[in-house]
Amino acid sequence: MTKAFVAIHCETGKEPQVIKKLAEIRGVKNAMGVLGLYDIIVEIEADDSMTLDKIITQHVRKVHHVLSTMTLIVV
């Protein structure tokens, strides 16, 4: 099992919409709003690193209103 936390910067005021969409993505275990440089933190689990990469690049980063991400892979 591979786990990562993804910090997301999104358009101002769109956080609730983005969190709702993120929660629908398979592999997303938790999505919550935070204060600071980033707006949302997402916890993702996948069977392997290739699947984790696919979830982040093909799903998380493509959510409407997401501007940037930073991925922290748990070791």
PDB file of N, CA and C in Angstrom:
ATOM      1  N   MET A   1       0.848  -1.175   0.000  1.00  0.00           N
ATOM      2  CA  MET A   1       0.000   0.000   0.000  1.00  0.00           C
ATOM      3  C   MET A   1       0.893   1.238   0.000  1.00  0.00           C
ATOM      4  N   THR A   2       0.619   2.160  -0.907  1.00  0.00           N
ATOM      5  CA  THR A   2       1.339   3.423  -0.995  1.00  0.00           C
ATOM      6  C   THR A   2       0.399   4.537  -0.557  1.00  0.00           C
ATOM      7  N   LYS A   3       0.924   5.449   0.239  1.00  0.00           N
ATOM      8  CA  LYS A   3       0.111   6.532   0.786  1.00  0.00           C
ATOM      9  C   LYS A   3       0.790   7.862   0.526  1.00  0.00           C
ATOM     10  N   ALA A   4      -0.019   8.889   0.263  1.00  0.00           N
ATOM     11  CA  ALA A   4       0.514  10.235   0.058  1.00  0.00           C
ATOM     12  C   ALA A   4      -0.487  11.267   0.560  1.00  0.00           C
ATOM     13  N   PHE A   5       0.055  12.423   0.864  1.00  0.00           N
ATOM     14  CA  PHE A   5      -0.767  13.584   1.168  1.00  0.00           C
ATOM     15  C   PHE A   5      -0.504  14.591   0.057  1.00  0.00           C
ATOM     16  N   VAL A   6      -1.568  15.173  -0.464  1.00  0.00           N
ATOM     17  CA  VAL A   6      -1.439  16.152  -1.539  1.00  0.00           C
ATOM     18  C   VAL A   6      -1.985  17.486  -1.040  1.00  0.00           C
ATOM     19  N   ALA A   7      -1.122  18.496  -1.052  1.00  0.00           N
ATOM     20  CA  ALA A   7      -1.522  19.851  -0.686  1.00  0.00           C
ATOM     21  C   ALA A   7      -1.972  20.543  -1.969  1.00  0.00           C
ATOM     22  N   ILE A   8      -3.146  21.166  -1.914  1.00  0.00           N
ATOM     23  CA  ILE A   8      -3.750  21.752  -3.111  1.00  0.00           C
ATOM     24  C   ILE A   8      -4.010  23.239  -2.908  1.00  0.00           C
ATOM     25  N   HIS A   9      -3.627  24.008  -3.902  1.00  0.00           N
ATOM     26  CA  HIS A   9      -3.988  25.427  -3.968  1.00  0.00           C
ATOM     27  C   HIS A   9      -5.090  25.524  -5.015  1.00  0.00           C
ATOM     28  N   CYS A  10      -6.217  26.142  -4.648  1.00  0.00           N
ATOM     29  CA  CYS A  10      -7.324  26.255  -5.601  1.00  0.00           C
ATOM     30  C   CYS A  10      -7.821  27.697  -5.651  1.00  0.00           C
ATOM     31  N   GLU A  11      -8.731  27.934  -6.573  1.00  0.00           N
ATOM     32  CA  GLU A  11      -9.295  29.280  -6.717  1.00  0.00           C
ATOM     33  C   GLU A  11     -10.026  29.668  -5.434  1.00  0.00           C
ATOM     34  N   THR A  12      -9.868  30.909  -5.036  1.00  0.00           N
ATOM     35  CA  THR A  12     -10.491  31.414  -3.819  1.00  0.00           C
ATOM     36  C   THR A  12     -12.008  31.244  -3.863  1.00  0.00           C
ATOM     37  N   GLY A  13     -12.545  30.705  -2.784  1.00  0.00           N
ATOM     38  CA  GLY A  13     -13.979  30.515  -2.663  1.00  0.00           C
ATOM     39  C   GLY A  13     -14.500  29.216  -3.266  1.00  0.00           C
ATOM     40  N   LYS A  14     -13.649  28.473  -3.930  1.00  0.00           N
ATOM     41  CA  LYS A  14     -14.060  27.225  -4.583  1.00  0.00           C
ATOM     42  C   LYS A  14     -13.725  25.988  -3.762  1.00  0.00           C
ATOM     43  N   GLU A  15     -13.187  26.177  -2.571  1.00  0.00           N
ATOM     44  CA  GLU A  15     -12.757  25.062  -1.739  1.00  0.00           C
ATOM     45  C   GLU A  15     -13.851  24.013  -1.502  1.00  0.00           C
ATOM     46  N   PRO A  16     -15.067  24.407  -1.116  1.00  0.00           N
ATOM     47  CA  PRO A  16     -16.098  23.381  -0.883  1.00  0.00           C
ATOM     48  C   PRO A  16     -16.401  22.533  -2.130  1.00  0.00           C
ATOM     49  N   GLN A  17     -16.453  23.158  -3.290  1.00  0.00           N
ATOM     50  CA  GLN A  17     -16.712  22.429  -4.537  1.00  0.00           C
ATOM     51  C   GLN A  17     -15.578  21.456  -4.841  1.00  0.00           C
ATOM     52  N   VAL A  18     -14.350  21.910  -4.653  1.00  0.00           N
ATOM     53  CA  VAL A  18     -13.181  21.080  -4.942  1.00  0.00           C
ATOM     54  C   VAL A  18     -13.126  19.896  -3.971  1.00  0.00           C
ATOM     55  N   ILE A  19     -13.363  20.138  -2.700  1.00  0.00           N
ATOM     56  CA  ILE A  19     -13.360  19.061  -1.707  1.00  0.00           C
ATOM     57  C   ILE A  19     -14.411  18.014  -2.055  1.00  0.00           C
ATOM     58  N   LYS A  20     -15.587  18.454  -2.458  1.00  0.00           N
ATOM     59  CA  LYS A  20     -16.659  17.520  -2.833  1.00  0.00           C
ATOM     60  C   LYS A  20     -16.229  16.636  -4.003  1.00  0.00           C
ATOM     61  N   LYS A  21     -15.622  17.229  -5.023  1.00  0.00           N
ATOM     62  CA  LYS A  21     -15.159  16.469  -6.195  1.00  0.00           C
ATOM     63  C   LYS A  21     -14.024  15.520  -5.827  1.00  0.00           C
ATOM     64  N   LEU A  22     -13.101  15.975  -4.994  1.00  0.00           N
ATOM     65  CA  LEU A  22     -11.978  15.136  -4.579  1.00  0.00           C
ATOM     66  C   LEU A  22     -12.469  13.901  -3.831  1.00  0.00           C
ATOM     67  N   ALA A  23     -13.476  14.071  -2.990  1.00  0.00           N
ATOM     68  CA  ALA A  23     -14.006  12.960  -2.197  1.00  0.00           C
ATOM     69  C   ALA A  23     -14.595  11.860  -3.073  1.00  0.00           C
ATOM     70  N   GLU A  24     -14.947  12.178  -4.309  1.00  0.00           N
ATOM     71  CA  GLU A  24     -15.529  11.205  -5.236  1.00  0.00           C
ATOM     72  C   GLU A  24     -14.470  10.368  -5.961  1.00  0.00           C
ATOM     73  N   ILE A  25     -13.208  10.750  -5.849  1.00  0.00           N
ATOM     74  CA  ILE A  25     -12.128  10.061  -6.556  1.00  0.00           C
ATOM     75  C   ILE A  25     -11.734   8.802  -5.802  1.00  0.00           C
ATOM     76  N   ARG A  26     -11.664   7.696  -6.520  1.00  0.00           N
ATOM     77  CA  ARG A  26     -11.258   6.428  -5.911  1.00  0.00           C
ATOM     78  C   ARG A  26      -9.820   6.541  -5.399  1.00  0.00           C
ATOM     79  N   GLY A  27      -9.605   6.136  -4.167  1.00  0.00           N
ATOM     80  CA  GLY A  27      -8.284   6.221  -3.551  1.00  0.00           C
ATOM     81  C   GLY A  27      -8.165   7.377  -2.577  1.00  0.00           C
ATOM     82  N   VAL A  28      -9.036   8.371  -2.709  1.00  0.00           N
ATOM     83  CA  VAL A  28      -9.014   9.504  -1.781  1.00  0.00           C
ATOM     84  C   VAL A  28      -9.682   9.068  -0.484  1.00  0.00           C
ATOM     85  N   LYS A  29      -8.926   9.085   0.593  1.00  0.00           N
ATOM     86  CA  LYS A  29      -9.431   8.658   1.897  1.00  0.00           C
ATOM     87  C   LYS A  29      -9.960   9.819   2.722  1.00  0.00           C
ATOM     88  N   ASN A  30      -9.424  11.003   2.480  1.00  0.00           N
ATOM     89  CA  ASN A  30      -9.841  12.170   3.243  1.00  0.00           C
ATOM     90  C   ASN A  30      -9.468  13.430   2.473  1.00  0.00           C
ATOM     91  N   ALA A  31     -10.318  14.428   2.523  1.00  0.00           N
ATOM     92  CA  ALA A  31     -10.040  15.734   1.906  1.00  0.00           C
ATOM     93  C   ALA A  31     -10.591  16.799   2.848  1.00  0.00           C
ATOM     94  N   MET A  32      -9.729  17.736   3.234  1.00  0.00           N
ATOM     95  CA  MET A  32     -10.168  18.759   4.184  1.00  0.00           C
ATOM     96  C   MET A  32      -9.536  20.107   3.882  1.00  0.00           C
ATOM     97  N   GLY A  33     -10.263  21.146   4.199  1.00  0.00           N
ATOM     98  CA  GLY A  33      -9.757  22.496   4.035  1.00  0.00           C
ATOM     99  C   GLY A  33      -8.771  22.832   5.131  1.00  0.00           C
ATOM    100  N   VAL A  34      -7.739  23.595   4.776  1.00  0.00           N
ATOM    101  CA  VAL A  34      -6.732  24.043   5.741  1.00  0.00           C
ATOM    102  C   VAL A  34      -6.427  25.518   5.497  1.00  0.00           C
ATOM    103  N   LEU A  35      -5.800  26.146   6.476  1.00  0.00           N
ATOM    104  CA  LEU A  35      -5.388  27.538   6.342  1.00  0.00           C
ATOM    105  C   LEU A  35      -3.887  27.587   6.119  1.00  0.00           C
ATOM    106  N   GLY A  36      -3.435  28.509   5.306  1.00  0.00           N
ATOM    107  CA  GLY A  36      -2.008  28.656   5.046  1.00  0.00           C
ATOM    108  C   GLY A  36      -1.740  28.779   3.561  1.00  0.00           C
ATOM    109  N   LEU A  37      -0.555  28.372   3.145  1.00  0.00           N
ATOM    110  CA  LEU A  37      -0.144  28.467   1.753  1.00  0.00           C
ATOM    111  C   LEU A  37      -1.051  27.641   0.842  1.00  0.00           C
ATOM    112  N   TYR A  38      -1.516  26.498   1.337  1.00  0.00           N
ATOM    113  CA  TYR A  38      -2.414  25.636   0.569  1.00  0.00           C
ATOM    114  C   TYR A  38      -3.816  25.706   1.153  1.00  0.00           C
ATOM    115  N   ASP A  39      -4.795  25.329   0.360  1.00  0.00           N
ATOM    116  CA  ASP A  39      -6.198  25.434   0.754  1.00  0.00           C
ATOM    117  C   ASP A  39      -6.811  24.106   1.182  1.00  0.00           C
ATOM    118  N   ILE A  40      -6.293  23.008   0.637  1.00  0.00           N
ATOM    119  CA  ILE A  40      -6.868  21.679   0.871  1.00  0.00           C
ATOM    120  C   ILE A  40      -5.734  20.670   1.039  1.00  0.00           C
ATOM    121  N   ILE A  41      -5.934  19.726   1.943  1.00  0.00           N
ATOM    122  CA  ILE A  41      -5.028  18.588   2.083  1.00  0.00           C
ATOM    123  C   ILE A  41      -5.841  17.332   1.785  1.00  0.00           C
ATOM    124  N   VAL A  42      -5.270  16.463   0.950  1.00  0.00           N
ATOM    125  CA  VAL A  42      -5.948  15.227   0.562  1.00  0.00           C
ATOM    126  C   VAL A  42      -5.063  14.041   0.942  1.00  0.00           C
ATOM    127  N   GLU A  43      -5.665  13.037   1.560  1.00  0.00           N
ATOM    128  CA  GLU A  43      -4.976  11.793   1.877  1.00  0.00           C
ATOM    129  C   GLU A  43      -5.381  10.764   0.824  1.00  0.00           C
ATOM    130  N   ILE A  44      -4.388  10.156   0.185  1.00  0.00           N
ATOM    131  CA  ILE A  44      -4.648   9.189  -0.886  1.00  0.00           C
ATOM    132  C   ILE A  44      -3.917   7.888  -0.584  1.00  0.00           C
ATOM    133  N   GLU A  45      -4.597   6.769  -0.836  1.00  0.00           N
ATOM    134  CA  GLU A  45      -3.983   5.452  -0.715  1.00  0.00           C
ATOM    135  C   GLU A  45      -4.170   4.703  -2.022  1.00  0.00           C
ATOM    136  N   ALA A  46      -3.137   3.977  -2.431  1.00  0.00           N
ATOM    137  CA  ALA A  46      -3.186   3.187  -3.661  1.00  0.00           C
ATOM    138  C   ALA A  46      -2.380   1.907  -3.458  1.00  0.00           C
ATOM    139  N   ASP A  47      -2.620   0.927  -4.323  1.00  0.00           N
ATOM    140  CA  ASP A  47      -1.916  -0.353  -4.224  1.00  0.00           C
ATOM    141  C   ASP A  47      -0.424  -0.220  -4.484  1.00  0.00           C
ATOM    142  N   ASP A  48      -0.046   0.714  -5.372  1.00  0.00           N
ATOM    143  CA  ASP A  48       1.368   0.879  -5.722  1.00  0.00           C
ATOM    144  C   ASP A  48       1.621   2.308  -6.178  1.00  0.00           C
ATOM    145  N   SER A  49       2.882   2.637  -6.393  1.00  0.00           N
ATOM    146  CA  SER A  49       3.249   4.010  -6.748  1.00  0.00           C
ATOM    147  C   SER A  49       2.745   4.416  -8.133  1.00  0.00           C
ATOM    148  N   MET A  50       2.643   3.470  -9.052  1.00  0.00           N
ATOM    149  CA  MET A  50       2.128   3.791 -10.395  1.00  0.00           C
ATOM    150  C   MET A  50       0.659   4.195 -10.319  1.00  0.00           C
ATOM    151  N   THR A  51      -0.110   3.487  -9.523  1.00  0.00           N
ATOM    152  CA  THR A  51      -1.532   3.812  -9.353  1.00  0.00           C
ATOM    153  C   THR A  51      -1.681   5.146  -8.635  1.00  0.00           C
ATOM    154  N   LEU A  52      -0.847   5.379  -7.645  1.00  0.00           N
ATOM    155  CA  LEU A  52      -0.866   6.652  -6.929  1.00  0.00           C
ATOM    156  C   LEU A  52      -0.594   7.802  -7.896  1.00  0.00           C
ATOM    157  N   ASP A  53       0.419   7.646  -8.734  1.00  0.00           N
ATOM    158  CA  ASP A  53       0.751   8.658  -9.732  1.00  0.00           C
ATOM    159  C   ASP A  53      -0.442   8.922 -10.656  1.00  0.00           C
ATOM    160  N   LYS A  54      -1.117   7.879 -11.075  1.00  0.00           N
ATOM    161  CA  LYS A  54      -2.273   8.012 -11.966  1.00  0.00           C
ATOM    162  C   LYS A  54      -3.415   8.771 -11.284  1.00  0.00           C
ATOM    163  N   ILE A  55      -3.683   8.448 -10.029  1.00  0.00           N
ATOM    164  CA  ILE A  55      -4.749   9.133  -9.289  1.00  0.00           C
ATOM    165  C   ILE A  55      -4.459  10.628  -9.224  1.00  0.00           C
ATOM    166  N   ILE A  56      -3.216  10.973  -8.915  1.00  0.00           N
ATOM    167  CA  ILE A  56      -2.859  12.386  -8.751  1.00  0.00           C
ATOM    168  C   ILE A  56      -2.852  13.116 -10.097  1.00  0.00           C
ATOM    169  N   THR A  57      -2.182  12.559 -11.088  1.00  0.00           N
ATOM    170  CA  THR A  57      -2.023  13.276 -12.360  1.00  0.00           C
ATOM    171  C   THR A  57      -3.275  13.272 -13.226  1.00  0.00           C
ATOM    172  N   GLN A  58      -4.017  12.173 -13.214  1.00  0.00           N
ATOM    173  CA  GLN A  58      -5.170  12.073 -14.104  1.00  0.00           C
ATOM    174  C   GLN A  58      -6.494  12.456 -13.458  1.00  0.00           C
ATOM    175  N   HIS A  59      -6.506  12.525 -12.121  1.00  0.00           N
ATOM    176  CA  HIS A  59      -7.773  12.836 -11.461  1.00  0.00           C
ATOM    177  C   HIS A  59      -7.693  14.075 -10.574  1.00  0.00           C
ATOM    178  N   VAL A  60      -6.820  14.057  -9.571  1.00  0.00           N
ATOM    179  CA  VAL A  60      -6.743  15.175  -8.626  1.00  0.00           C
ATOM    180  C   VAL A  60      -6.394  16.479  -9.336  1.00  0.00           C
ATOM    181  N   ARG A  61      -5.348  16.476 -10.137  1.00  0.00           N
ATOM    182  CA  ARG A  61      -4.906  17.712 -10.799  1.00  0.00           C
ATOM    183  C   ARG A  61      -5.879  18.210 -11.855  1.00  0.00           C
ATOM    184  N   LYS A  62      -6.789  17.356 -12.292  1.00  0.00           N
ATOM    185  CA  LYS A  62      -7.747  17.748 -13.330  1.00  0.00           C
ATOM    186  C   LYS A  62      -9.071  18.267 -12.764  1.00  0.00           C
ATOM    187  N   VAL A  63      -9.217  18.252 -11.445  1.00  0.00           N
ATOM    188  CA  VAL A  63     -10.433  18.784 -10.830  1.00  0.00           C
ATOM    189  C   VAL A  63     -10.506  20.278 -11.138  1.00  0.00           C
ATOM    190  N   HIS A  64     -11.675  20.698 -11.605  1.00  0.00           N
ATOM    191  CA  HIS A  64     -11.892  22.105 -11.960  1.00  0.00           C
ATOM    192  C   HIS A  64     -11.607  22.992 -10.742  1.00  0.00           C
ATOM    193  N   HIS A  65     -10.917  24.085 -10.941  1.00  0.00           N
ATOM    194  CA  HIS A  65     -10.543  25.093  -9.943  1.00  0.00           C
ATOM    195  C   HIS A  65      -9.248  24.760  -9.192  1.00  0.00           C
ATOM    196  N   VAL A  66      -8.640  23.574  -9.414  1.00  0.00           N
ATOM    197  CA  VAL A  66      -7.340  23.269  -8.805  1.00  0.00           C
ATOM    198  C   VAL A  66      -6.269  24.014  -9.589  1.00  0.00           C
ATOM    199  N   LEU A  67      -5.449  24.806  -8.898  1.00  0.00           N
ATOM    200  CA  LEU A  67      -4.413  25.598  -9.542  1.00  0.00           C
ATOM    201  C   LEU A  67      -3.030  24.943  -9.463  1.00  0.00           C
ATOM    202  N   SER A  68      -2.715  24.339  -8.313  1.00  0.00           N
ATOM    203  CA  SER A  68      -1.417  23.678  -8.151  1.00  0.00           C
ATOM    204  C   SER A  68      -1.503  22.641  -7.041  1.00  0.00           C
ATOM    205  N   THR A  69      -0.551  21.705  -7.073  1.00  0.00           N
ATOM    206  CA  THR A  69      -0.490  20.667  -6.042  1.00  0.00           C
ATOM    207  C   THR A  69       0.952  20.445  -5.605  1.00  0.00           C
ATOM    208  N   MET A  70       1.094  19.887  -4.399  1.00  0.00           N
ATOM    209  CA  MET A  70       2.390  19.433  -3.901  1.00  0.00           C
ATOM    210  C   MET A  70       2.143  18.085  -3.245  1.00  0.00           C
ATOM    211  N   THR A  71       2.828  17.061  -3.724  1.00  0.00           N
ATOM    212  CA  THR A  71       2.626  15.713  -3.228  1.00  0.00           C
ATOM    213  C   THR A  71       3.714  15.330  -2.227  1.00  0.00           C
ATOM    214  N   LEU A  72       3.267  14.782  -1.096  1.00  0.00           N
ATOM    215  CA  LEU A  72       4.158  14.292  -0.058  1.00  0.00           C
ATOM    216  C   LEU A  72       3.899  12.810   0.093  1.00  0.00           C
ATOM    217  N   ILE A  73       4.840  11.973  -0.368  1.00  0.00           N
ATOM    218  CA  ILE A  73       4.671  10.523  -0.308  1.00  0.00           C
ATOM    219  C   ILE A  73       5.172  10.016   1.046  1.00  0.00           C
ATOM    220  N   VAL A  74       4.345   9.219   1.693  1.00  0.00           N
ATOM    221  CA  VAL A  74       4.683   8.656   2.998  1.00  0.00           C
ATOM    222  C   VAL A  74       5.692   7.531   2.788  1.00  0.00           C
ATOM    223  N   VAL A  75       6.780   7.545   3.591  1.00  0.00           N
ATOM    224  CA  VAL A  75       7.801   6.492   3.485  1.00  0.00           C
ATOM    225  C   VAL A  75       7.768   5.591   4.701  1.00  0.00           C
TER     226      VAL A  75
END
